[in-house]
Amino acid sequence: MTKPGSSKSERAAGSPESGGRRPSKRPSGTGAVYEDNRRGTFVGEIWLDGRRRRVTGPDRTTVNKRLRRLQRDHARGELTDGNATVSKAMESWSERVLAGKSLAPKSRELYEWAIELIQAELGAVRLRNLNIDRVETALDELAAGSQGRPLSHRSLKLVRSTLAQALDNAKRRQLISGNPARDAVLPAAAPRAVPRQALTPDQAVALWNALGDEGTYGAMFRLQLCTGLRPGEAAGLCWDALELDATPPVLHVRRAVRMDRNRIVLVDELKTSASNRTIVLPSDAVDVLKHQRAELVTRALEDGRGVATDALCFPTQAGTPTDPSKARRVLL
């Protein structure tokens, strides 16, 4: 018959299955220590927060010290979770750190995309088993297309950086002793982005002339040539952001378009805070905009309606925001 009041660990220690010797009576709440005859070591067990914690050592004194350390760490709230996974680390970082960052919508989408890839490749791996080789293997798999399509060098850098930030957060919480993502090397075979080159003056003139008969899309790209607007900023430009009759005429960059669940939407949040700016318009840009305004007025009159002051400058035929990537494909 089991002695009333004995702990679970003490009952296990004295059982024949454990191969151990029943421990001497210990003060309540200090756990149990017993000798594992089969392995020739000593084992200490203690229940904390409803979970059994176990330590081992070469002698009873060492095990007692380790049990007391567990109790101190538990009292300070620093007891590590030996079963914590990469998935748990990603969720904790996303909720406590990423959620508080001031990010452009596109940047947040990229982080969420990287988190999904990491969860798919490493989510079930326990943090205590995560090392540089395991991280590099995951990067190699992603580069080979394990999650749908092969990732470029640039995309892999984002994935590694996201994982490293999450592991830094886990390290601060003592869930992991180091950060293997910081030292992981990207696969050498991952394709790198082709360096972008600006148009030469002659190329810009040739493109300007070629865009003359391309309607709304041509006008939008001509404005970009004059002002250096990003494609999303040009597609999101509205008439209330223009002062064409001012001296000098100016354009206020306030809005842009972006992809949201496979749909182009107009947003007030730009890529960065510095993206909100005012541009002095050259005469060619003013001419482009006035001509585009006249075209929209003519189209609106034919449809029996007007052009609102806050309407888009370069809408589709349906009046919705233009997709810059679609516009590029149409003009190619």
Foldseek 3Di string as FASTA:
>chain_A
DDDPPDDPQQVVQVDVVQCWHRFDDDPPQLFGKIANVVVQWIKTWGADPNDIDIDIDNDPVVRSVVSVVQVVCVVVVLRADQQAFLLNLLVVCCVPPVVPDDAFPVVNVLLVVLSVLCCVQGGNHQQAPDALVSLQVSLVCQCVQVPHGHDAPVSSVSSLVSSQSSVVVCVVSVNHVDRRSVVHDHDPPGHDDDDDDDDDPVRLVVLLVLLPPVALLSLLVNLCSQWVDDLFQSLQFAQLQWDVPDVQTKGWRQWGWDADPNDIDIDRGDRDPVRGDMTRGDPVNSVSQVVLQVVVQVLQVVVVHGGDNGARSRADPVSGGDDSVVSVVVSD
